[in-house]
Amino acid sequence: MRGLDSYFSSTEEWETVILEHIGGQPTTVQTADGRALDAIWCETRPPSKHGAAILFHPNSAICLDMAAWGLWCE
């Protein structure tokens, strides 16, 4: 949990807090070559039909690490 153990009692709690904060839902994206990529689906606030962004995390990061970047794209 990268030093966050003093804030959260488990990775599940960390995930719950992040997903609630961004209003996201965990999902999976299936690639053409059969790989399954973990993803978080978030609607803009208010919901809009004006575009989308796909963010991929860098090495040594996980999907939840990208939550702040996702909020920046709103």
PDB file of N, CA and C in Angstrom:
ATOM      1  N   MET A   1       0.819  -1.197   0.000  1.00  0.00           N
ATOM      2  CA  MET A   1       0.000   0.000   0.000  1.00  0.00           C
ATOM      3  C   MET A   1       0.862   1.260   0.000  1.00  0.00           C
ATOM      4  N   ARG A   2       2.137   1.100  -0.260  1.00  0.00           N
ATOM      5  CA  ARG A   2       3.037   2.227  -0.472  1.00  0.00           C
ATOM      6  C   ARG A   2       3.009   3.277   0.629  1.00  0.00           C
ATOM      7  N   GLY A   3       3.104   2.845   1.850  1.00  0.00           N
ATOM      8  CA  GLY A   3       3.157   3.795   2.942  1.00  0.00           C
ATOM      9  C   GLY A   3       1.806   4.319   3.386  1.00  0.00           C
ATOM     10  N   LEU A   4       0.748   3.871   2.732  1.00  0.00           N
ATOM     11  CA  LEU A   4      -0.585   4.345   3.101  1.00  0.00           C
ATOM     12  C   LEU A   4      -1.203   3.533   4.224  1.00  0.00           C
ATOM     13  N   ASP A   5      -0.470   2.538   4.724  1.00  0.00           N
ATOM     14  CA  ASP A   5      -1.037   1.679   5.759  1.00  0.00           C
ATOM     15  C   ASP A   5      -1.395   2.461   7.015  1.00  0.00           C
ATOM     16  N   SER A   6      -0.804   3.632   7.223  1.00  0.00           N
ATOM     17  CA  SER A   6      -1.178   4.434   8.382  1.00  0.00           C
ATOM     18  C   SER A   6      -2.526   5.121   8.172  1.00  0.00           C
ATOM     19  N   TYR A   7      -2.988   5.236   6.932  1.00  0.00           N
ATOM     20  CA  TYR A   7      -4.258   5.881   6.620  1.00  0.00           C
ATOM     21  C   TYR A   7      -5.398   4.877   6.436  1.00  0.00           C
ATOM     22  N   PHE A   8      -5.097   3.741   5.853  1.00  0.00           N
ATOM     23  CA  PHE A   8      -6.110   2.743   5.528  1.00  0.00           C
ATOM     24  C   PHE A   8      -5.762   1.409   6.160  1.00  0.00           C
ATOM     25  N   SER A   9      -6.777   0.671   6.550  1.00  0.00           N
ATOM     26  CA  SER A   9      -6.528  -0.617   7.199  1.00  0.00           C
ATOM     27  C   SER A   9      -6.309  -1.743   6.198  1.00  0.00           C
ATOM     28  N   SER A  10      -6.682  -1.528   4.924  1.00  0.00           N
ATOM     29  CA  SER A  10      -6.513  -2.569   3.904  1.00  0.00           C
ATOM     30  C   SER A  10      -6.530  -1.937   2.520  1.00  0.00           C
ATOM     31  N   THR A  11      -6.067  -2.697   1.531  1.00  0.00           N
ATOM     32  CA  THR A  11      -6.146  -2.206   0.152  1.00  0.00           C
ATOM     33  C   THR A  11      -7.590  -2.084  -0.300  1.00  0.00           C
ATOM     34  N   GLU A  12      -8.463  -2.930   0.229  1.00  0.00           N
ATOM     35  CA  GLU A  12      -9.880  -2.857  -0.125  1.00  0.00           C
ATOM     36  C   GLU A  12     -10.488  -1.537   0.358  1.00  0.00           C
ATOM     37  N   GLU A  13     -10.120  -1.116   1.570  1.00  0.00           N
ATOM     38  CA  GLU A  13     -10.622   0.164   2.082  1.00  0.00           C
ATOM     39  C   GLU A  13     -10.094   1.317   1.230  1.00  0.00           C
ATOM     40  N   TRP A  14      -8.811   1.244   0.863  1.00  0.00           N
ATOM     41  CA  TRP A  14      -8.195   2.261   0.009  1.00  0.00           C
ATOM     42  C   TRP A  14      -8.953   2.364  -1.318  1.00  0.00           C
ATOM     43  N   GLU A  15      -9.217   1.215  -1.943  1.00  0.00           N
ATOM     44  CA  GLU A  15      -9.945   1.196  -3.204  1.00  0.00           C
ATOM     45  C   GLU A  15     -11.338   1.800  -3.041  1.00  0.00           C
ATOM     46  N   THR A  16     -12.042   1.444  -1.989  1.00  0.00           N
ATOM     47  CA  THR A  16     -13.389   1.954  -1.745  1.00  0.00           C
ATOM     48  C   THR A  16     -13.380   3.477  -1.611  1.00  0.00           C
ATOM     49  N   VAL A  17     -12.439   3.998  -0.837  1.00  0.00           N
ATOM     50  CA  VAL A  17     -12.357   5.450  -0.635  1.00  0.00           C
ATOM     51  C   VAL A  17     -12.072   6.167  -1.957  1.00  0.00           C
ATOM     52  N   ILE A  18     -11.113   5.665  -2.731  1.00  0.00           N
ATOM     53  CA  ILE A  18     -10.766   6.288  -4.013  1.00  0.00           C
ATOM     54  C   ILE A  18     -11.953   6.246  -4.971  1.00  0.00           C
ATOM     55  N   LEU A  19     -12.581   5.087  -5.114  1.00  0.00           N
ATOM     56  CA  LEU A  19     -13.703   4.960  -6.051  1.00  0.00           C
ATOM     57  C   LEU A  19     -14.871   5.844  -5.640  1.00  0.00           C
ATOM     58  N   GLU A  20     -15.150   5.949  -4.354  1.00  0.00           N
ATOM     59  CA  GLU A  20     -16.219   6.839  -3.894  1.00  0.00           C
ATOM     60  C   GLU A  20     -15.862   8.294  -4.179  1.00  0.00           C
ATOM     61  N   HIS A  21     -14.617   8.660  -3.970  1.00  0.00           N
ATOM     62  CA  HIS A  21     -14.172  10.037  -4.186  1.00  0.00           C
ATOM     63  C   HIS A  21     -14.330  10.467  -5.644  1.00  0.00           C
ATOM     64  N   ILE A  22     -13.974   9.599  -6.555  1.00  0.00           N
ATOM     65  CA  ILE A  22     -14.041   9.964  -7.978  1.00  0.00           C
ATOM     66  C   ILE A  22     -15.358   9.553  -8.630  1.00  0.00           C
ATOM     67  N   GLY A  23     -16.206   8.846  -7.900  1.00  0.00           N
ATOM     68  CA  GLY A  23     -17.465   8.380  -8.486  1.00  0.00           C
ATOM     69  C   GLY A  23     -17.238   7.325  -9.550  1.00  0.00           C
ATOM     70  N   GLY A  24     -16.246   6.481  -9.347  1.00  0.00           N
ATOM     71  CA  GLY A  24     -15.874   5.487 -10.346  1.00  0.00           C
ATOM     72  C   GLY A  24     -16.330   4.084 -10.027  1.00  0.00           C
ATOM     73  N   GLN A  25     -16.320   3.261 -11.055  1.00  0.00           N
ATOM     74  CA  GLN A  25     -16.657   1.848 -10.920  1.00  0.00           C
ATOM     75  C   GLN A  25     -15.535   1.021 -11.545  1.00  0.00           C
ATOM     76  N   PRO A  26     -15.056   0.000 -10.825  1.00  0.00           N
ATOM     77  CA  PRO A  26     -14.021  -0.843 -11.418  1.00  0.00           C
ATOM     78  C   PRO A  26     -14.587  -1.656 -12.584  1.00  0.00           C
ATOM     79  N   THR A  27     -13.796  -1.819 -13.612  1.00  0.00           N
ATOM     80  CA  THR A  27     -14.201  -2.599 -14.777  1.00  0.00           C
ATOM     81  C   THR A  27     -12.952  -3.203 -15.407  1.00  0.00           C
ATOM     82  N   THR A  28     -13.119  -3.938 -16.478  1.00  0.00           N
ATOM     83  CA  THR A  28     -12.007  -4.539 -17.207  1.00  0.00           C
ATOM     84  C   THR A  28     -12.164  -4.226 -18.690  1.00  0.00           C
ATOM     85  N   VAL A  29     -11.059  -3.917 -19.343  1.00  0.00           N
ATOM     86  CA  VAL A  29     -11.036  -3.687 -20.785  1.00  0.00           C
ATOM     87  C   VAL A  29     -10.317  -4.861 -21.412  1.00  0.00           C
ATOM     88  N   GLN A  30     -10.974  -5.532 -22.340  1.00  0.00           N
ATOM     89  CA  GLN A  30     -10.380  -6.670 -23.052  1.00  0.00           C
ATOM     90  C   GLN A  30      -9.703  -6.165 -24.319  1.00  0.00           C
ATOM     91  N   THR A  31      -8.415  -6.469 -24.491  1.00  0.00           N
ATOM     92  CA  THR A  31      -7.693  -6.033 -25.679  1.00  0.00           C
ATOM     93  C   THR A  31      -7.877  -7.046 -26.809  1.00  0.00           C
ATOM     94  N   ALA A  32      -7.512  -6.640 -28.020  1.00  0.00           N
ATOM     95  CA  ALA A  32      -7.662  -7.510 -29.189  1.00  0.00           C
ATOM     96  C   ALA A  32      -6.821  -8.782 -29.064  1.00  0.00           C
ATOM     97  N   ASP A  33      -5.695  -8.707 -28.330  1.00  0.00           N
ATOM     98  CA  ASP A  33      -4.851  -9.892 -28.176  1.00  0.00           C
ATOM     99  C   ASP A  33      -5.222 -10.724 -26.947  1.00  0.00           C
ATOM    100  N   GLY A  34      -6.357 -10.415 -26.327  1.00  0.00           N
ATOM    101  CA  GLY A  34      -6.860 -11.241 -25.236  1.00  0.00           C
ATOM    102  C   GLY A  34      -6.440 -10.842 -23.832  1.00  0.00           C
ATOM    103  N   ARG A  35      -5.682  -9.779 -23.701  1.00  0.00           N
ATOM    104  CA  ARG A  35      -5.295  -9.336 -22.358  1.00  0.00           C
ATOM    105  C   ARG A  35      -6.463  -8.616 -21.685  1.00  0.00           C
ATOM    106  N   ALA A  36      -6.521  -8.719 -20.387  1.00  0.00           N
ATOM    107  CA  ALA A  36      -7.536  -8.009 -19.612  1.00  0.00           C
ATOM    108  C   ALA A  36      -6.838  -6.903 -18.827  1.00  0.00           C
ATOM    109  N   LEU A  37      -7.253  -5.653 -19.053  1.00  0.00           N
ATOM    110  CA  LEU A  37      -6.665  -4.508 -18.368  1.00  0.00           C
ATOM    111  C   LEU A  37      -7.642  -4.003 -17.315  1.00  0.00           C
ATOM    112  N   ASP A  38      -7.167  -3.831 -16.086  1.00  0.00           N
ATOM    113  CA  ASP A  38      -7.996  -3.237 -15.047  1.00  0.00           C
ATOM    114  C   ASP A  38      -8.263  -1.781 -15.410  1.00  0.00           C
ATOM    115  N   ALA A  39      -9.475  -1.326 -15.143  1.00  0.00           N
ATOM    116  CA  ALA A  39      -9.850   0.041 -15.490  1.00  0.00           C
ATOM    117  C   ALA A  39     -10.857   0.571 -14.480  1.00  0.00           C
ATOM    118  N   ILE A  40     -11.014   1.876 -14.486  1.00  0.00           N
ATOM    119  CA  ILE A  40     -12.047   2.535 -13.691  1.00  0.00           C
ATOM    120  C   ILE A  40     -12.876   3.380 -14.645  1.00  0.00           C
ATOM    121  N   TRP A  41     -14.198   3.203 -14.618  1.00  0.00           N
ATOM    122  CA  TRP A  41     -15.108   3.976 -15.445  1.00  0.00           C
ATOM    123  C   TRP A  41     -15.629   5.136 -14.616  1.00  0.00           C
ATOM    124  N   CYS A  42     -15.482   6.353 -15.120  1.00  0.00           N
ATOM    125  CA  CYS A  42     -15.980   7.553 -14.442  1.00  0.00           C
ATOM    126  C   CYS A  42     -16.714   8.418 -15.445  1.00  0.00           C
ATOM    127  N   GLU A  43     -17.871   8.884 -15.070  1.00  0.00           N
ATOM    128  CA  GLU A  43     -18.609   9.854 -15.887  1.00  0.00           C
ATOM    129  C   GLU A  43     -18.175  11.253 -15.469  1.00  0.00           C
ATOM    130  N   THR A  44     -18.248  12.187 -16.394  1.00  0.00           N
ATOM    131  CA  THR A  44     -17.968  13.571 -16.020  1.00  0.00           C
ATOM    132  C   THR A  44     -19.121  14.091 -15.171  1.00  0.00           C
ATOM    133  N   ARG A  45     -18.854  15.128 -14.421  1.00  0.00           N
ATOM    134  CA  ARG A  45     -19.904  15.749 -13.598  1.00  0.00           C
ATOM    135  C   ARG A  45     -20.179  17.132 -14.121  1.00  0.00           C
ATOM    136  N   PRO A  46     -21.347  17.461 -14.567  1.00  0.00           N
ATOM    137  CA  PRO A  46     -22.477  16.560 -14.827  1.00  0.00           C
ATOM    138  C   PRO A  46     -22.181  15.677 -16.033  1.00  0.00           C
ATOM    139  N   PRO A  47     -22.908  14.548 -16.174  1.00  0.00           N
ATOM    140  CA  PRO A  47     -22.676  13.666 -17.326  1.00  0.00           C
ATOM    141  C   PRO A  47     -22.757  14.433 -18.646  1.00  0.00           C
ATOM    142  N   SER A  48     -21.890  14.091 -19.555  1.00  0.00           N
ATOM    143  CA  SER A  48     -21.791  14.813 -20.818  1.00  0.00           C
ATOM    144  C   SER A  48     -21.557  13.829 -21.960  1.00  0.00           C
ATOM    145  N   LYS A  49     -21.879  14.250 -23.167  1.00  0.00           N
ATOM    146  CA  LYS A  49     -21.607  13.439 -24.359  1.00  0.00           C
ATOM    147  C   LYS A  49     -20.498  14.083 -25.182  1.00  0.00           C
ATOM    148  N   HIS A  50     -19.620  14.818 -24.541  1.00  0.00           N
ATOM    149  CA  HIS A  50     -18.646  15.627 -25.258  1.00  0.00           C
ATOM    150  C   HIS A  50     -17.232  15.089 -25.254  1.00  0.00           C
ATOM    151  N   GLY A  51     -17.050  13.803 -25.101  1.00  0.00           N
ATOM    152  CA  GLY A  51     -15.697  13.274 -25.211  1.00  0.00           C
ATOM    153  C   GLY A  51     -15.364  12.267 -24.130  1.00  0.00           C
ATOM    154  N   ALA A  52     -14.172  11.754 -24.237  1.00  0.00           N
ATOM    155  CA  ALA A  52     -13.700  10.751 -23.284  1.00  0.00           C
ATOM    156  C   ALA A  52     -12.183  10.820 -23.217  1.00  0.00           C
ATOM    157  N   ALA A  53     -11.634  10.275 -22.157  1.00  0.00           N
ATOM    158  CA  ALA A  53     -10.188  10.175 -22.009  1.00  0.00           C
ATOM    159  C   ALA A  53      -9.860   8.782 -21.492  1.00  0.00           C
ATOM    160  N   ILE A  54      -8.796   8.217 -22.006  1.00  0.00           N
ATOM    161  CA  ILE A  54      -8.295   6.936 -21.511  1.00  0.00           C
ATOM    162  C   ILE A  54      -6.899   7.196 -20.976  1.00  0.00           C
ATOM    163  N   LEU A  55      -6.701   6.879 -19.699  1.00  0.00           N
ATOM    164  CA  LEU A  55      -5.406   7.089 -19.066  1.00  0.00           C
ATOM    165  C   LEU A  55      -4.798   5.738 -18.730  1.00  0.00           C
ATOM    166  N   PHE A  56      -3.551   5.541 -19.094  1.00  0.00           N
ATOM    167  CA  PHE A  56      -2.825   4.326 -18.732  1.00  0.00           C
ATOM    168  C   PHE A  56      -1.774   4.699 -17.701  1.00  0.00           C
ATOM    169  N   HIS A  57      -1.634   3.870 -16.679  1.00  0.00           N
ATOM    170  CA  HIS A  57      -0.668   4.169 -15.634  1.00  0.00           C
ATOM    171  C   HIS A  57       0.724   3.767 -16.067  1.00  0.00           C
ATOM    172  N   PRO A  58       1.729   4.479 -15.529  1.00  0.00           N
ATOM    173  CA  PRO A  58       3.116   4.146 -15.849  1.00  0.00           C
ATOM    174  C   PRO A  58       3.588   2.945 -15.040  1.00  0.00           C
ATOM    175  N   ASN A  59       4.796   2.498 -15.329  1.00  0.00           N
ATOM    176  CA  ASN A  59       5.392   1.414 -14.540  1.00  0.00           C
ATOM    177  C   ASN A  59       5.424   1.794 -13.068  1.00  0.00           C
ATOM    178  N   SER A  60       5.298   0.812 -12.215  1.00  0.00           N
ATOM    179  CA  SER A  60       5.328   0.984 -10.753  1.00  0.00           C
ATOM    180  C   SER A  60       4.135   1.769 -10.233  1.00  0.00           C
ATOM    181  N   ALA A  61       3.082   1.865 -10.995  1.00  0.00           N
ATOM    182  CA  ALA A  61       1.846   2.503 -10.543  1.00  0.00           C
ATOM    183  C   ALA A  61       0.720   1.499 -10.754  1.00  0.00           C
ATOM    184  N   ILE A  62      -0.384   1.775 -10.118  1.00  0.00           N
ATOM    185  CA  ILE A  62      -1.554   0.935 -10.317  1.00  0.00           C
ATOM    186  C   ILE A  62      -2.709   1.818 -10.736  1.00  0.00           C
ATOM    187  N   CYS A  63      -3.770   1.206 -11.153  1.00  0.00           N
ATOM    188  CA  CYS A  63      -4.931   1.929 -11.656  1.00  0.00           C
ATOM    189  C   CYS A  63      -5.387   3.020 -10.684  1.00  0.00           C
ATOM    190  N   LEU A  64      -5.444   2.698  -9.399  1.00  0.00           N
ATOM    191  CA  LEU A  64      -5.921   3.680  -8.423  1.00  0.00           C
ATOM    192  C   LEU A  64      -5.006   4.885  -8.309  1.00  0.00           C
ATOM    193  N   ASP A  65      -3.719   4.721  -8.633  1.00  0.00           N
ATOM    194  CA  ASP A  65      -2.793   5.849  -8.606  1.00  0.00           C
ATOM    195  C   ASP A  65      -3.183   6.922  -9.620  1.00  0.00           C
ATOM    196  N   MET A  66      -3.931   6.549 -10.628  1.00  0.00           N
ATOM    197  CA  MET A  66      -4.305   7.484 -11.688  1.00  0.00           C
ATOM    198  C   MET A  66      -5.585   8.262 -11.379  1.00  0.00           C
ATOM    199  N   ALA A  67      -6.192   8.029 -10.232  1.00  0.00           N
ATOM    200  CA  ALA A  67      -7.462   8.675  -9.893  1.00  0.00           C
ATOM    201  C   ALA A  67      -7.366  10.198  -9.952  1.00  0.00           C
ATOM    202  N   ALA A  68      -6.313  10.770  -9.408  1.00  0.00           N
ATOM    203  CA  ALA A  68      -6.167  12.227  -9.414  1.00  0.00           C
ATOM    204  C   ALA A  68      -6.043  12.762 -10.838  1.00  0.00           C
ATOM    205  N   TRP A  69      -5.347  12.035 -11.701  1.00  0.00           N
ATOM    206  CA  TRP A  69      -5.220  12.459 -13.095  1.00  0.00           C
ATOM    207  C   TRP A  69      -6.567  12.410 -13.799  1.00  0.00           C
ATOM    208  N   GLY A  70      -7.360  11.399 -13.484  1.00  0.00           N
ATOM    209  CA  GLY A  70      -8.692  11.302 -14.060  1.00  0.00           C
ATOM    210  C   GLY A  70      -9.557  12.490 -13.674  1.00  0.00           C
ATOM    211  N   LEU A  71      -9.487  12.921 -12.430  1.00  0.00           N
ATOM    212  CA  LEU A  71     -10.258  14.080 -11.985  1.00  0.00           C
ATOM    213  C   LEU A  71      -9.775  15.350 -12.694  1.00  0.00           C
ATOM    214  N   TRP A  72      -8.477  15.443 -12.965  1.00  0.00           N
ATOM    215  CA  TRP A  72      -7.928  16.607 -13.656  1.00  0.00           C
ATOM    216  C   TRP A  72      -8.485  16.718 -15.074  1.00  0.00           C
ATOM    217  N   CYS A  73      -8.784  15.584 -15.695  1.00  0.00           N
ATOM    218  CA  CYS A  73      -9.281  15.574 -17.076  1.00  0.00           C
ATOM    219  C   CYS A  73     -10.747  15.977 -17.193  1.00  0.00           C
ATOM    220  N   GLU A  74     -11.442  16.095 -16.070  1.00  0.00           N
ATOM    221  CA  GLU A  74     -12.874  16.417 -16.151  1.00  0.00           C
ATOM    222  C   GLU A  74     -13.129  17.740 -16.780  1.00  0.00           C
TER     223      GLU A  74
END
